[in-house]
Amino acid sequence: MYSEPIFLQPVFQERIWGGQKLKKEYNYDIPFEKTGEAWVISAHPHGPSVIMNGPLKGKTLADVWQNYGELFNKEAGNKEEYPLLIKIIDAVDDLSVQVHPDDEFARKMEAIPFGKTECWYILSAEPDAEIILGHHANSRAELEQLIDNGEWGTLLNRVKVSAGDFFYVPSGTIHAIGKGIVILETQQNSDITYRVYDYDRTDANGVNRELHLERAKMVTTVPYQAVAFNQSRGTVGDLKFKRLVEEKYFTVDHWHLNGNVSLELDKDFLQVSVIAGNAVITVNEKSFAIKKGSNFILPHTIDKYELSGEAEFVVSTV
């Protein structure tokens, strides 16, 4: 089954900080005036992707994961959840300052299978755009005091960003995406968030969005320490690749194609998002046009494939 890529339909999420860039930059048919997120590869119940091609067309990725395990080199009926979730996020306004729990806390306190470790590839950023990544508290007591007093200027660590930057955000890290930024996010398959600060914004009913200060204090790592990685580079054929991160939950690469390359699939499966350009992927002499905004999975049933064109990709696996 499946000697071709598995193409996926994005699922869109309305957010108070969202906008229209997912339509303008990726030609997505977005349903909301404030579309904040495209869940482009998702098996999460809050937004499962639907298969767009092949014999399983119309089924959700969650269903395929559970019932067609050979596509992912696992046994069918294995009750574990699909491990990853890929999003493209359009932040017209600042996202809330937040933190995510680890697996142990999520299972014990929220009865869900995963906490949330994530990473961000910056697709575009307006001049002087910045993110919040980490904090300046040296002890948990200081962290709690700064939060309770609303001393955000003292607490929060701000970082200016540009297109092509990459950031790793492990669970326990206070963080926020700033306005004017579009990112591709690779994360654990979880939607658990503890809000720390939301700029006193209100929802459509004029009510301040809920904060989760006590649990946020419990799960935040103190002190914050940035994680450094050796981002190795290489070339295969006309493909240049950069290893962005390789850690417990995911491995993420950036690929830049300028010509042709033949590759072997040496992973259980591979998630691919086209972030720029146009290309063709050929599997078993069958070719598929792909472009900026295309998202697909190369299943375990594929041995070799070819890419041709000029394009950039963010590629991930477990």
Protein backbone atom coordinates (compact mmCIF):
# COMPACT_ATOMS: atom_id res chain seq x y z
CA MET A 1 0.00 0.00 0.00
CA TYR A 2 1.13 3.51 -0.89
CA SER A 3 4.02 3.70 -3.27
CA GLU A 4 3.50 7.47 -3.29
CA PRO A 5 3.62 10.40 -0.87
CA ILE A 6 0.62 10.89 1.42
CA PHE A 7 -0.58 14.45 0.87
CA LEU A 8 -2.52 16.16 3.68
CA GLN A 9 -5.16 18.89 3.79
CA PRO A 10 -4.38 21.65 6.34
CA VAL A 11 -6.79 22.32 9.20
CA PHE A 12 -7.18 26.00 10.07
CA GLN A 13 -7.59 27.50 13.54
CA GLU A 14 -9.07 30.91 14.34
CA ARG A 15 -7.00 32.95 16.78
CA ILE A 16 -7.44 36.50 18.12
CA TRP A 17 -3.85 37.26 17.08
CA GLY A 18 -4.15 35.73 13.58
CA GLY A 19 -4.48 37.30 10.15
CA GLN A 20 -4.45 36.68 6.40
CA LYS A 21 -0.83 35.76 5.61
CA LEU A 22 -1.60 32.06 5.27
CA LYS A 23 -3.71 32.99 2.26
CA LYS A 24 -1.36 35.61 0.85
CA GLU A 25 1.88 33.66 1.30
CA TYR A 26 0.74 30.03 0.95
CA ASN A 27 -2.43 30.36 -1.15
CA TYR A 28 -4.42 28.50 1.48
CA ASP A 29 -8.19 28.83 1.36
CA ILE A 30 -8.49 30.08 4.92
CA PRO A 31 -11.95 30.25 6.53
CA PHE A 32 -11.45 33.04 9.09
CA GLU A 33 -10.59 36.72 9.05
CA LYS A 34 -8.16 36.00 11.87
CA THR A 35 -6.66 32.68 10.85
CA GLY A 36 -3.76 32.08 13.18
CA GLU A 37 -2.72 28.51 12.52
CA ALA A 38 -2.66 25.92 9.76
CA TRP A 39 -2.25 22.45 11.24
CA VAL A 40 -0.58 21.05 8.15
CA ILE A 41 0.32 17.57 9.44
CA SER A 42 -1.95 16.67 12.32
CA ALA A 43 -3.49 13.64 13.98
CA HIS A 44 -4.70 15.66 16.97
CA PRO A 45 -8.44 15.43 17.78
CA HIS A 46 -8.72 19.25 17.81
CA GLY A 47 -7.78 19.36 14.11
CA PRO A 48 -6.99 16.10 12.29
CA SER A 49 -5.58 16.32 8.76
CA VAL A 50 -7.40 14.48 5.99
CA ILE A 51 -5.59 12.39 3.35
CA MET A 52 -5.88 13.96 -0.12
CA ASN A 53 -4.71 11.13 -2.41
CA GLY A 54 -4.37 7.40 -2.89
CA PRO A 55 -6.40 4.48 -1.55
CA LEU A 56 -6.91 6.10 1.86
CA LYS A 57 -8.17 9.41 0.48
CA GLY A 58 -10.71 10.99 2.83
CA LYS A 59 -9.47 9.25 5.97
CA THR A 60 -7.88 11.19 8.79
CA LEU A 61 -4.22 10.85 9.65
CA ALA A 62 -5.21 9.61 13.12
CA ASP A 63 -7.26 6.80 11.57
CA VAL A 64 -4.48 5.85 9.18
CA TRP A 65 -1.92 5.85 12.01
CA GLN A 66 -4.05 3.49 14.11
CA ASN A 67 -5.16 1.10 11.37
CA TYR A 68 -2.42 1.05 8.75
CA GLY A 69 0.68 0.66 10.84
CA GLU A 70 2.80 -0.67 7.98
CA LEU A 71 2.93 2.88 6.60
CA PHE A 72 4.85 3.96 9.70
CA ASN A 73 6.77 0.74 10.44
CA LYS A 74 4.60 -0.14 13.41
CA GLU A 75 1.94 -2.70 14.20
CA ALA A 76 -1.63 -1.83 13.27
CA GLY A 77 -3.78 -1.27 16.33
CA ASN A 78 -0.89 0.05 18.39
CA LYS A 79 -2.68 2.38 20.82
CA GLU A 80 0.09 4.96 21.10
CA GLU A 81 -0.73 8.35 19.64
CA TYR A 82 0.79 9.84 16.50
CA PRO A 83 3.89 11.54 17.90
CA LEU A 84 4.18 14.90 16.09
CA LEU A 85 2.15 17.92 15.01
CA ILE A 86 3.28 20.41 12.35
CA LYS A 87 1.83 23.93 12.20
CA ILE A 88 2.33 27.12 10.23
CA ILE A 89 1.55 30.06 12.52
CA ASP A 90 0.73 33.63 11.41
CA ALA A 91 1.21 36.05 14.31
CA VAL A 92 -0.24 39.42 13.30
CA ASP A 93 -0.30 40.30 17.00
CA ASP A 94 1.71 39.00 19.95
CA LEU A 95 0.82 35.54 21.19
CA SER A 96 0.29 35.08 24.90
CA VAL A 97 3.32 34.42 27.09
CA GLN A 98 3.02 30.73 27.93
CA VAL A 99 4.70 27.54 29.04
CA HIS A 100 4.04 23.85 28.39
CA PRO A 101 4.37 20.88 30.76
CA ASP A 102 6.48 17.79 30.14
CA ASP A 103 5.03 14.32 29.51
CA GLU A 104 5.00 13.27 33.16
CA PHE A 105 3.10 16.36 34.32
CA ALA A 106 0.67 16.21 31.38
CA ARG A 107 -0.20 12.58 32.09
CA LYS A 108 -0.53 13.04 35.84
CA MET A 109 -2.33 16.40 35.96
CA GLU A 110 -4.13 16.63 32.60
CA ALA A 111 -4.70 12.95 31.71
CA ILE A 112 -3.29 13.45 28.21
CA PRO A 113 -0.51 11.39 26.59
CA PHE A 114 2.00 14.14 25.78
CA GLY A 115 3.40 17.34 27.18
CA LYS A 116 4.76 19.76 24.65
CA THR A 117 8.29 20.31 23.45
CA GLU A 118 8.46 22.27 20.21
CA CYS A 119 10.76 24.10 17.81
CA TRP A 120 10.34 27.02 15.42
CA TYR A 121 11.70 27.72 11.96
CA ILE A 122 11.15 31.41 11.18
CA LEU A 123 9.55 31.63 7.72
CA SER A 124 9.23 35.41 7.64
CA ALA A 125 9.62 38.28 10.09
CA GLU A 126 8.98 41.99 9.89
CA PRO A 127 11.85 44.36 10.80
CA ASP A 128 12.58 44.37 14.54
CA ALA A 129 10.27 41.39 15.16
CA GLU A 130 11.09 39.49 18.32
CA ILE A 131 10.14 36.44 20.33
CA ILE A 132 10.15 35.75 24.05
CA LEU A 133 12.32 32.78 24.91
CA GLY A 134 13.13 32.04 28.52
CA HIS A 135 13.31 34.26 31.60
CA HIS A 136 15.77 35.97 33.94
CA ALA A 137 14.68 34.56 37.32
CA ASN A 138 17.44 32.78 39.21
CA SER A 139 15.19 30.89 41.62
CA ARG A 140 11.62 29.66 41.75
CA ALA A 141 10.85 32.16 44.49
CA GLU A 142 12.08 35.00 42.27
CA LEU A 143 10.09 33.61 39.32
CA GLU A 144 6.90 33.55 41.38
CA GLN A 145 7.50 37.04 42.75
CA LEU A 146 8.07 38.55 39.30
CA ILE A 147 4.95 36.82 37.93
CA ASP A 148 2.79 37.85 40.89
CA ASN A 149 3.96 41.48 40.58
CA GLY A 150 3.57 41.54 36.80
CA GLU A 151 7.20 42.57 36.30
CA TRP A 152 7.31 41.31 32.75
CA GLY A 153 10.07 43.64 31.60
CA THR A 154 12.36 42.21 34.26
CA LEU A 155 11.26 38.59 33.89
CA LEU A 156 11.06 37.92 30.16
CA ASN A 157 13.97 37.31 27.79
CA ARG A 158 13.39 38.91 24.37
CA VAL A 159 15.21 37.88 21.17
CA LYS A 160 15.11 39.61 17.78
CA VAL A 161 14.52 37.26 14.86
CA SER A 162 14.89 37.09 11.09
CA ALA A 163 13.73 34.69 8.39
CA GLY A 164 15.72 31.44 8.53
CA ASP A 165 16.35 31.54 12.28
CA PHE A 166 15.62 28.41 14.28
CA PHE A 167 14.72 27.99 17.96
CA TYR A 168 14.29 24.93 20.17
CA VAL A 169 11.65 25.31 22.90
CA PRO A 170 11.66 22.39 25.36
CA SER A 171 8.80 21.90 27.80
CA GLY A 172 9.18 24.16 30.81
CA THR A 173 10.36 27.13 28.71
CA ILE A 174 8.44 30.39 29.03
CA HIS A 175 7.97 31.66 25.48
CA ALA A 176 5.86 33.67 23.03
CA ILE A 177 5.86 34.38 19.31
CA GLY A 178 5.86 38.11 18.64
CA LYS A 179 3.79 40.03 16.12
CA GLY A 180 4.87 40.16 12.51
CA ILE A 181 6.29 36.62 12.47
CA VAL A 182 5.30 33.52 10.49
CA ILE A 183 6.80 30.25 11.69
CA LEU A 184 6.74 26.57 10.95
CA GLU A 185 6.41 24.76 14.26
CA THR A 186 7.38 21.14 14.82
CA GLN A 187 6.06 19.88 18.15
CA GLN A 188 4.85 16.94 20.15
CA ASN A 189 1.27 16.02 19.34
CA SER A 190 -0.25 18.05 22.15
CA ASP A 191 -2.40 21.15 22.56
CA ILE A 192 -1.70 21.84 26.26
CA THR A 193 -0.79 25.43 27.12
CA TYR A 194 -0.50 27.34 30.40
CA ARG A 195 -0.87 31.08 29.83
CA VAL A 196 1.30 33.32 31.99
CA TYR A 197 0.47 36.75 30.53
CA ASP A 198 -1.89 37.85 27.75
CA TYR A 199 -1.46 41.64 27.58
CA ASP A 200 -4.85 42.04 29.31
CA ARG A 201 -6.64 41.16 26.06
CA THR A 202 -10.30 40.16 26.02
CA ASP A 203 -12.17 37.66 23.90
CA ALA A 204 -15.21 38.37 21.68
CA ASN A 205 -17.37 38.61 24.79
CA GLY A 206 -15.13 41.18 26.48
CA VAL A 207 -13.75 38.66 28.96
CA ASN A 208 -10.05 38.32 29.72
CA ARG A 209 -8.69 35.01 28.48
CA GLU A 210 -7.94 32.53 31.23
CA LEU A 211 -4.47 32.45 32.78
CA HIS A 212 -2.95 29.36 34.39
CA LEU A 213 -0.45 30.91 36.76
CA GLU A 214 -0.18 28.24 39.42
CA ARG A 215 0.48 25.40 37.02
CA ALA A 216 2.75 27.63 34.96
CA LYS A 217 4.86 28.29 38.05
CA MET A 218 5.00 24.56 38.75
CA VAL A 219 6.25 23.49 35.31
CA THR A 220 8.62 26.36 34.40
CA THR A 221 12.27 25.37 34.37
CA VAL A 222 14.37 27.56 36.70
CA PRO A 223 16.85 28.93 35.85
CA TYR A 224 16.34 29.11 32.09
CA GLN A 225 19.23 27.73 30.06
CA ALA A 226 19.31 27.93 26.27
CA VAL A 227 20.07 24.62 24.54
CA ALA A 228 22.83 24.71 21.94
CA PHE A 229 23.09 22.21 19.09
CA ASN A 230 25.76 21.33 16.58
CA GLN A 231 23.84 22.07 13.39
CA SER A 232 25.65 19.86 10.89
CA ARG A 233 25.51 20.53 7.16
CA GLY A 234 25.99 18.44 4.06
CA THR A 235 25.23 17.99 0.37
CA VAL A 236 23.71 15.11 -1.57
CA GLY A 237 23.42 15.66 -5.31
CA ASP A 238 21.87 19.09 -5.76
CA LEU A 239 20.40 19.09 -2.26
CA LYS A 240 21.99 21.02 0.59
CA PHE A 241 20.80 20.02 4.05
CA LYS A 242 21.18 21.43 7.53
CA ARG A 243 20.39 19.46 10.68
CA LEU A 244 18.48 21.96 12.84
CA VAL A 245 17.87 19.78 15.89
CA GLU A 246 18.11 16.13 16.87
CA GLU A 247 16.73 15.31 20.29
CA LYS A 248 14.35 13.06 22.21
CA TYR A 249 11.09 13.84 20.44
CA PHE A 250 12.03 14.83 16.90
CA THR A 251 14.74 15.40 14.36
CA VAL A 252 14.28 18.42 12.08
CA ASP A 253 16.24 19.36 8.95
CA HIS A 254 16.19 22.23 6.47
CA TRP A 255 16.69 21.20 2.84
CA HIS A 256 17.56 23.50 -0.08
CA LEU A 257 17.12 21.91 -3.50
CA ASN A 258 18.56 23.45 -6.67
CA GLY A 259 18.44 20.74 -9.32
CA ASN A 260 18.00 17.00 -8.84
CA VAL A 261 18.65 14.44 -6.13
CA SER A 262 17.91 10.76 -5.54
CA LEU A 263 17.35 9.72 -1.93
CA GLU A 264 16.61 6.62 0.10
CA LEU A 265 14.04 6.64 2.89
CA ASP A 266 16.02 5.39 5.88
CA LYS A 267 13.49 6.42 8.57
CA ASP A 268 10.21 4.88 9.69
CA PHE A 269 8.50 7.77 7.91
CA LEU A 270 9.31 11.35 6.95
CA GLN A 271 7.20 14.51 7.28
CA VAL A 272 7.85 17.14 4.60
CA SER A 273 6.66 20.76 4.32
CA VAL A 274 7.55 22.81 1.24
CA ILE A 275 8.32 26.33 2.48
CA ALA A 276 9.52 27.94 -0.77
CA GLY A 277 9.67 27.27 -4.50
CA ASN A 278 8.38 24.52 -6.76
CA ALA A 279 9.55 20.97 -7.32
CA VAL A 280 8.57 17.49 -8.45
CA ILE A 281 8.80 14.35 -6.33
CA THR A 282 9.01 11.05 -8.18
CA VAL A 283 8.37 7.66 -6.59
CA ASN A 284 8.34 4.44 -8.62
CA GLU A 285 8.26 6.44 -11.86
CA LYS A 286 5.14 8.34 -10.74
CA SER A 287 5.64 12.11 -10.38
CA PHE A 288 3.85 14.67 -8.22
CA ALA A 289 4.13 18.45 -8.46
CA ILE A 290 4.79 20.12 -5.11
CA LYS A 291 5.00 23.80 -4.23
CA LYS A 292 5.24 26.24 -1.35
CA GLY A 293 2.49 25.20 1.06
CA SER A 294 2.49 21.48 0.14
CA ASN A 295 2.70 19.05 3.07
CA PHE A 296 3.08 15.31 2.88
CA ILE A 297 4.37 12.18 4.55
CA LEU A 298 6.76 9.74 2.91
CA PRO A 299 5.57 6.41 4.36
CA HIS A 300 7.74 3.44 5.29
CA THR A 301 6.49 1.59 2.19
CA ILE A 302 8.64 3.86 -0.01
CA ASP A 303 12.27 2.86 -0.48
CA LYS A 304 13.61 5.51 -2.85
CA TYR A 305 12.44 8.83 -4.25
CA GLU A 306 13.71 11.66 -6.41
CA LEU A 307 13.34 15.42 -6.10
CA SER A 308 13.85 17.96 -8.88
CA GLY A 309 13.35 21.71 -9.02
CA GLU A 310 14.17 24.73 -6.89
CA ALA A 311 12.60 24.58 -3.45
CA GLU A 312 13.16 24.65 0.29
CA PHE A 313 11.77 22.14 2.77
CA VAL A 314 11.48 21.61 6.49
CA VAL A 315 11.66 17.88 7.10
CA SER A 316 11.03 16.03 10.35
CA THR A 317 10.91 12.55 11.81
CA VAL A 318 10.94 10.85 15.20
